[in-house]
N, C-alpha and C. Protein backbone atom coordinates (compact mmCIF):
# COMPACT_ATOMS: atom_id res chain seq x y z
N MET A 1 42.23 -15.56 -37.96
CA MET A 1 41.14 -16.19 -38.13
C MET A 1 40.80 -16.34 -39.87
N GLY A 2 39.76 -17.04 -40.35
CA GLY A 2 40.10 -17.10 -41.56
C GLY A 2 38.36 -16.86 -41.62
N LEU A 3 38.26 -16.43 -43.46
CA LEU A 3 36.92 -15.94 -43.89
C LEU A 3 35.55 -16.74 -43.38
N GLY A 4 36.24 -18.13 -43.11
CA GLY A 4 35.23 -18.86 -42.17
C GLY A 4 34.70 -18.65 -41.38
N GLY A 5 35.61 -17.97 -40.08
CA GLY A 5 35.32 -18.01 -38.76
C GLY A 5 34.53 -16.45 -38.66
N ALA A 6 34.96 -15.18 -39.91
CA ALA A 6 34.29 -14.45 -39.83
C ALA A 6 32.68 -14.41 -39.91
N THR A 7 32.84 -15.74 -41.11
CA THR A 7 31.38 -15.43 -41.53
C THR A 7 30.63 -16.06 -40.45
N ARG A 8 31.11 -16.86 -39.70
CA ARG A 8 30.22 -17.80 -38.84
C ARG A 8 29.78 -16.48 -37.59
N LYS A 9 30.74 -15.44 -37.20
CA LYS A 9 30.65 -15.03 -36.21
C LYS A 9 29.29 -13.88 -36.85
N LEU A 10 29.66 -13.32 -38.34
CA LEU A 10 28.47 -12.44 -38.33
C LEU A 10 27.28 -13.27 -38.56
N GLN A 11 27.21 -14.54 -38.85
CA GLN A 11 25.67 -15.29 -38.86
C GLN A 11 25.35 -15.30 -37.51
N LYS A 12 26.21 -15.42 -36.56
CA LYS A 12 25.82 -15.35 -34.84
C LYS A 12 25.05 -14.27 -34.67
N VAL A 13 25.34 -13.15 -34.87
CA VAL A 13 25.34 -11.75 -34.85
C VAL A 13 23.91 -11.37 -35.18
N ALA A 14 24.13 -11.99 -36.48
CA ALA A 14 22.59 -11.96 -37.33
C ALA A 14 21.60 -12.68 -36.66
N ASP A 15 21.73 -13.38 -36.15
CA ASP A 15 20.80 -14.55 -35.34
C ASP A 15 20.42 -13.85 -34.32
N MET A 16 21.52 -13.77 -33.35
CA MET A 16 21.15 -12.70 -32.02
C MET A 16 20.16 -11.50 -32.58
N GLY A 17 20.56 -11.06 -33.78
CA GLY A 17 20.06 -9.59 -34.05
C GLY A 17 18.31 -10.19 -34.43
N GLU A 18 17.83 -11.14 -35.21
CA GLU A 18 16.99 -11.38 -35.62
C GLU A 18 16.00 -11.79 -33.91
N GLU A 19 16.42 -12.46 -33.24
CA GLU A 19 16.14 -12.88 -31.62
C GLU A 19 15.41 -11.96 -31.20
N LEU A 20 16.38 -10.90 -30.83
CA LEU A 20 16.11 -9.77 -30.38
C LEU A 20 14.86 -8.92 -31.11
N TYR A 21 14.71 -8.86 -32.44
CA TYR A 21 13.75 -8.20 -32.99
C TYR A 21 12.55 -8.85 -32.51
N SER A 22 12.78 -10.27 -32.59
CA SER A 22 11.65 -11.00 -32.44
C SER A 22 10.95 -10.94 -30.81
N ARG A 23 12.05 -10.52 -30.25
CA ARG A 23 11.34 -10.25 -28.85
C ARG A 23 10.87 -9.23 -28.40
N ILE A 24 11.72 -7.81 -28.97
CA ILE A 24 11.16 -6.44 -29.00
C ILE A 24 10.02 -6.69 -29.62
N ASN A 25 9.33 -7.45 -30.73
CA ASN A 25 7.98 -7.49 -31.14
C ASN A 25 7.18 -8.00 -30.60
N GLU A 26 7.50 -8.80 -29.47
CA GLU A 26 6.43 -9.50 -28.84
C GLU A 26 6.27 -8.72 -27.41
N LEU A 27 7.33 -8.07 -27.03
CA LEU A 27 7.23 -6.96 -26.05
C LEU A 27 6.28 -5.72 -26.21
N ARG A 28 6.25 -5.04 -27.62
CA ARG A 28 5.47 -4.36 -28.16
C ARG A 28 4.20 -4.59 -28.09
N GLU A 29 3.63 -5.81 -28.48
CA GLU A 29 2.46 -6.34 -28.69
C GLU A 29 2.01 -6.38 -27.37
N GLN A 30 2.72 -7.17 -26.16
CA GLN A 30 2.29 -7.13 -25.00
C GLN A 30 1.98 -6.06 -24.39
N THR A 31 2.89 -4.82 -24.73
CA THR A 31 2.41 -3.83 -24.10
C THR A 31 1.40 -2.73 -24.79
N LEU A 32 1.11 -3.32 -26.00
CA LEU A 32 -0.18 -2.50 -26.37
C LEU A 32 -1.60 -3.52 -26.10
N GLU A 33 -1.47 -4.68 -25.56
CA GLU A 33 -2.39 -5.32 -24.94
C GLU A 33 -2.69 -4.66 -23.69
N MET A 34 -1.40 -4.67 -23.25
CA MET A 34 -1.46 -4.14 -21.58
C MET A 34 -2.34 -2.77 -21.45
N ARG A 35 -2.05 -1.70 -22.31
CA ARG A 35 -2.29 -0.52 -22.51
C ARG A 35 -3.64 -1.05 -22.62
N GLU A 36 -4.55 -1.40 -23.42
CA GLU A 36 -5.90 -1.79 -23.90
C GLU A 36 -6.52 -2.14 -22.41
N THR A 37 -5.78 -3.47 -21.70
CA THR A 37 -6.60 -3.87 -20.86
C THR A 37 -6.67 -2.52 -19.72
N VAL A 38 -5.67 -1.74 -19.57
CA VAL A 38 -5.44 -0.81 -18.39
C VAL A 38 -6.60 0.38 -18.91
N THR A 39 -6.60 0.81 -20.05
CA THR A 39 -7.88 1.35 -20.47
C THR A 39 -9.40 1.12 -19.79
N GLU A 40 -9.73 -0.35 -20.48
CA GLU A 40 -10.59 -0.84 -20.30
C GLU A 40 -11.06 -1.00 -18.73
N THR A 41 -9.77 -1.08 -17.96
CA THR A 41 -10.10 -1.29 -16.74
C THR A 41 -10.67 0.11 -15.91
N ASN A 42 -9.91 1.42 -16.44
CA ASN A 42 -9.86 2.20 -16.14
C ASN A 42 -11.21 2.70 -16.25
N ARG A 43 -12.16 2.51 -17.38
CA ARG A 43 -13.24 2.86 -18.06
C ARG A 43 -14.33 2.12 -17.30
N ARG A 44 -14.56 1.17 -16.75
CA ARG A 44 -15.01 0.30 -16.08
C ARG A 44 -14.93 0.47 -14.26
N VAL A 45 -13.83 1.01 -13.84
CA VAL A 45 -13.77 1.72 -12.58
C VAL A 45 -14.45 2.73 -12.31
N ALA A 46 -14.45 3.74 -13.61
CA ALA A 46 -15.29 5.15 -13.53
C ALA A 46 -16.63 4.60 -13.51
N ALA A 47 -17.18 3.61 -13.88
CA ALA A 47 -18.65 3.07 -14.35
C ALA A 47 -18.79 3.01 -13.11
N LEU A 48 -18.00 2.08 -12.43
CA LEU A 48 -18.29 1.62 -10.93
C LEU A 48 -18.39 2.40 -9.92
N GLU A 49 -17.61 3.43 -10.06
CA GLU A 49 -17.80 4.50 -9.26
C GLU A 49 -18.55 5.60 -9.65
N HIS A 50 -19.26 5.51 -10.34
CA HIS A 50 -20.46 6.41 -10.95
C HIS A 50 -21.83 5.48 -9.97
N ARG A 51 -21.48 4.28 -10.52
CA ARG A 51 -22.76 3.72 -9.82
C ARG A 51 -23.15 3.89 -8.15
N MET A 52 -21.66 3.67 -7.73
CA MET A 52 -21.65 3.48 -6.08
C MET A 52 -21.90 4.64 -5.97
N ASP A 53 -21.71 5.93 -6.41
CA ASP A 53 -21.95 7.48 -5.70
C ASP A 53 -23.64 7.11 -6.26
N GLY A 54 -23.95 7.15 -7.07
CA GLY A 54 -25.36 7.05 -6.76
C GLY A 54 -26.00 6.10 -6.07
N GLN A 55 -25.78 5.13 -5.72
CA GLN A 55 -26.38 4.11 -4.58
C GLN A 55 -25.80 4.82 -3.00
N ALA A 56 -24.89 5.66 -3.22
CA ALA A 56 -24.52 6.36 -1.62
C ALA A 56 -25.59 7.36 -2.04
N ALA A 57 -25.82 8.16 -3.12
CA ALA A 57 -26.89 9.18 -2.78
C ALA A 57 -28.31 8.62 -2.21
N ILE A 58 -28.37 7.54 -2.76
CA ILE A 58 -30.07 6.82 -2.44
C ILE A 58 -30.20 6.63 -1.56
N LEU A 59 -28.96 5.77 -0.59
CA LEU A 59 -28.80 5.26 0.73
C LEU A 59 -28.38 6.58 1.64
N GLU A 60 -28.14 7.64 1.25
CA GLU A 60 -28.56 8.50 2.41
C GLU A 60 -29.50 9.47 2.04
N ALA A 61 -30.34 9.41 1.12
CA ALA A 61 -31.25 9.93 1.09
C ALA A 61 -32.69 9.14 1.72
N LEU A 62 -32.46 8.17 1.81
CA LEU A 62 -32.95 6.91 2.59
C LEU A 62 -33.40 6.95 4.14
N ALA A 63 -31.69 7.06 4.78
CA ALA A 63 -31.23 7.32 6.11
C ALA A 63 -31.84 8.59 6.47
N GLU A 64 -31.59 9.50 5.87
CA GLU A 64 -32.21 10.85 6.18
C GLU A 64 -34.20 10.79 6.21
N LYS A 65 -34.63 10.33 5.62
CA LYS A 65 -36.06 9.77 5.51
C LYS A 65 -36.02 9.25 7.01
N GLU A 66 -35.65 8.14 7.30
CA GLU A 66 -35.60 7.61 8.67
C GLU A 66 -35.22 8.04 9.87
N GLY A 67 -34.79 9.67 9.33
CA GLY A 67 -34.28 9.96 10.31
C GLY A 67 -32.58 9.40 11.26
N ILE A 68 -31.88 8.86 10.19
CA ILE A 68 -30.36 8.39 10.55
C ILE A 68 -29.29 9.42 10.49
N ASP A 69 -28.55 9.66 11.11
CA ASP A 69 -27.50 10.18 11.04
C ASP A 69 -26.40 9.61 10.26
N VAL A 70 -26.09 9.84 8.97
CA VAL A 70 -25.22 9.02 8.35
C VAL A 70 -23.58 9.47 8.73
N ASP A 71 -23.65 10.84 9.22
CA ASP A 71 -22.15 10.98 9.40
C ASP A 71 -21.85 10.26 10.29
N GLU A 72 -22.67 10.61 11.19
CA GLU A 72 -22.23 9.92 12.80
C GLU A 72 -22.18 8.32 12.70
N LEU A 73 -23.14 7.66 12.02
CA LEU A 73 -22.72 6.49 11.59
C LEU A 73 -21.42 5.83 11.02
N LEU A 74 -21.36 6.73 10.22
CA LEU A 74 -19.64 6.46 9.52
C LEU A 74 -18.70 6.90 10.17
N THR A 75 -18.48 7.64 11.54
CA THR A 75 -18.15 7.85 12.23
C THR A 75 -17.47 6.67 13.42
N GLU A 76 -18.92 6.31 13.78
CA GLU A 76 -18.63 4.96 14.76
C GLU A 76 -18.31 3.81 13.93
N VAL A 77 -18.65 3.61 12.63
CA VAL A 77 -17.87 2.63 12.08
C VAL A 77 -16.27 2.85 11.91
N ALA A 78 -15.94 3.83 11.63
CA ALA A 78 -14.49 3.95 11.46
C ALA A 78 -14.16 3.90 12.79
N ILE A 79 -14.67 4.46 14.13
CA ILE A 79 -13.85 4.48 15.16
C ILE A 79 -13.60 2.44 15.76
N GLU A 80 -14.72 2.21 15.22
CA GLU A 80 -14.83 0.50 15.68
C GLU A 80 -13.81 -0.25 14.89
N GLU A 81 -13.56 0.26 13.63
CA GLU A 81 -12.60 -0.31 12.61
C GLU A 81 -11.42 0.35 13.31
N ALA A 82 -10.92 1.34 13.65
CA ALA A 82 -9.53 1.74 14.01
C ALA A 82 -8.98 0.79 15.60
N GLU A 83 -10.20 0.55 16.19
CA GLU A 83 -10.27 -0.09 17.63
C GLU A 83 -10.02 -1.58 17.36
N THR A 84 -9.98 -2.00 16.45
CA THR A 84 -10.13 -3.87 16.10
C THR A 84 -8.71 -4.03 16.20
N PRO A 85 -8.30 -5.12 17.08
CA PRO A 85 -6.92 -5.55 16.75
C PRO A 85 -6.40 -6.18 15.48
N ASN A 86 -7.47 -6.65 14.98
CA ASN A 86 -6.84 -7.26 13.78
C ASN A 86 -6.96 -6.17 12.24
N GLN A 87 -5.39 -6.00 12.54
CA GLN A 87 -4.97 -4.81 11.24
C GLN A 87 -4.74 -5.67 10.18
N ASP A 88 -4.86 -6.78 9.85
CA ASP A 88 -4.10 -7.63 8.74
C ASP A 88 -4.92 -7.42 7.48
N GLY A 89 -6.68 -6.55 7.47
CA GLY A 89 -6.99 -6.76 6.43
C GLY A 89 -8.46 -7.98 6.35
N GLU A 90 -8.62 -8.67 7.38
CA GLU A 90 -9.41 -9.89 7.33
C GLU A 90 -10.97 -9.34 7.67
N GLU A 91 -11.24 -9.91 7.85
CA GLU A 91 -12.87 -9.62 7.66
C GLU A 91 -13.11 -9.66 9.46
N LEU A 92 -13.74 -9.03 9.80
CA LEU A 92 -14.16 -9.23 11.22
C LEU A 92 -15.17 -10.07 11.83
N VAL A 93 -14.93 -11.05 12.53
CA VAL A 93 -16.02 -12.09 13.35
C VAL A 93 -16.36 -11.95 14.50
N ASP A 94 -17.62 -11.71 14.64
CA ASP A 94 -18.23 -11.93 16.13
C ASP A 94 -18.55 -12.73 16.59
N GLY A 95 -18.72 -13.30 18.33
CA GLY A 95 -18.42 -14.25 18.64
C GLY A 95 -18.91 -15.71 18.44
N GLY A 96 -20.34 -15.22 17.53
CA GLY A 96 -21.52 -16.28 17.14
C GLY A 96 -20.47 -16.86 15.58
N GLY A 97 -19.63 -16.52 15.21
CA GLY A 97 -18.60 -16.98 14.01
C GLY A 97 -19.35 -16.44 12.81
N ASN A 98 -20.42 -15.41 13.02
CA ASN A 98 -20.91 -14.35 11.53
C ASN A 98 -19.88 -13.47 11.35
N VAL A 99 -19.73 -13.03 10.29
CA VAL A 99 -19.06 -12.40 9.26
C VAL A 99 -19.24 -11.18 9.21
N ASP A 100 -19.06 -9.83 9.71
CA ASP A 100 -19.47 -8.37 9.67
C ASP A 100 -18.44 -7.98 9.14
N VAL A 101 -18.74 -7.31 7.92
CA VAL A 101 -17.42 -6.10 7.25
C VAL A 101 -17.56 -4.77 8.41
N ILE A 102 -19.25 -4.34 7.85
CA ILE A 102 -19.79 -3.26 8.71
C ILE A 102 -20.66 -3.90 9.91
N PRO A 103 -20.40 -3.33 10.90
CA PRO A 103 -21.33 -3.87 12.04
C PRO A 103 -22.55 -3.34 11.56
N ASP A 104 -23.68 -4.16 12.39
CA ASP A 104 -25.23 -3.55 12.15
C ASP A 104 -25.47 -2.45 12.99
N ALA A 105 -25.75 -1.35 12.55
CA ALA A 105 -25.81 -0.07 13.42
C ALA A 105 -27.21 -0.50 14.42
N GLU A 106 -28.34 -0.83 13.73
CA GLU A 106 -29.63 -1.04 14.23
C GLU A 106 -29.43 -1.94 15.52
N ALA A 107 -28.44 -3.00 15.28
CA ALA A 107 -28.98 -4.20 16.33
C ALA A 107 -28.26 -3.87 17.54
N ASP A 108 -27.48 -2.67 17.77
CA ASP A 108 -26.92 -2.29 18.97
C ASP A 108 -26.74 -0.96 19.26
N GLU A 109 -28.04 -0.23 19.72
CA GLU A 109 -27.66 1.19 19.15
C GLU A 109 -27.12 1.94 20.65
N ASP A 110 -27.42 1.22 21.67
CA ASP A 110 -26.94 1.82 22.87
C ASP A 110 -25.73 1.05 23.51
N GLY A 111 -25.44 0.12 22.98
CA GLY A 111 -24.03 -0.70 23.05
C GLY A 111 -24.47 -1.42 24.47
N ASP A 112 -25.58 -1.78 25.02
CA ASP A 112 -25.95 -2.64 25.96
C ASP A 112 -26.26 -4.15 25.94
N GLY A 113 -26.05 -4.43 24.47
CA GLY A 113 -25.85 -5.67 24.22
C GLY A 113 -27.00 -6.78 23.65
N THR A 114 -28.41 -5.71 23.40
CA THR A 114 -29.23 -5.96 23.30
C THR A 114 -29.76 -5.68 21.83
N ASP A 115 -30.46 -6.46 20.85
CA ASP A 115 -31.05 -6.05 19.87
C ASP A 115 -32.24 -5.12 19.66
N HIS A 116 -32.10 -3.78 18.95
CA HIS A 116 -33.24 -2.76 19.14
C HIS A 116 -34.31 -2.67 17.98
N ARG A 117 -33.75 -4.09 16.91
CA ARG A 117 -34.43 -4.17 15.54
C ARG A 117 -35.85 -4.63 16.00
N GLU A 118 -37.22 -4.23 15.30
CA GLU A 118 -38.36 -4.57 15.49
C GLU A 118 -38.53 -5.86 14.58
């Protein structure tokens, strides 16, 4: 092989090196952007969890004031969800076509099918 063949091969290797360097820099930038996104998402999730904890405390205080046993209600909901045949994560739909993610606890307190709300 002559000097021209070696030069072409060296140029090809150099071109491949430049392309790889460029790709690595792109990946580095994408990684940094992803880190920033993950950090921001974690911050937002923490803030939402904090707000949700506050709202849960308010709801529990209101429930206690109204004489509602929150633990019993949550247990009933968990049992109903566990007994639901639809286990693929879809929302529950009652016979009237209304969507209920959490059944209305006051609507049928004794399970006789009548609504007890005033």
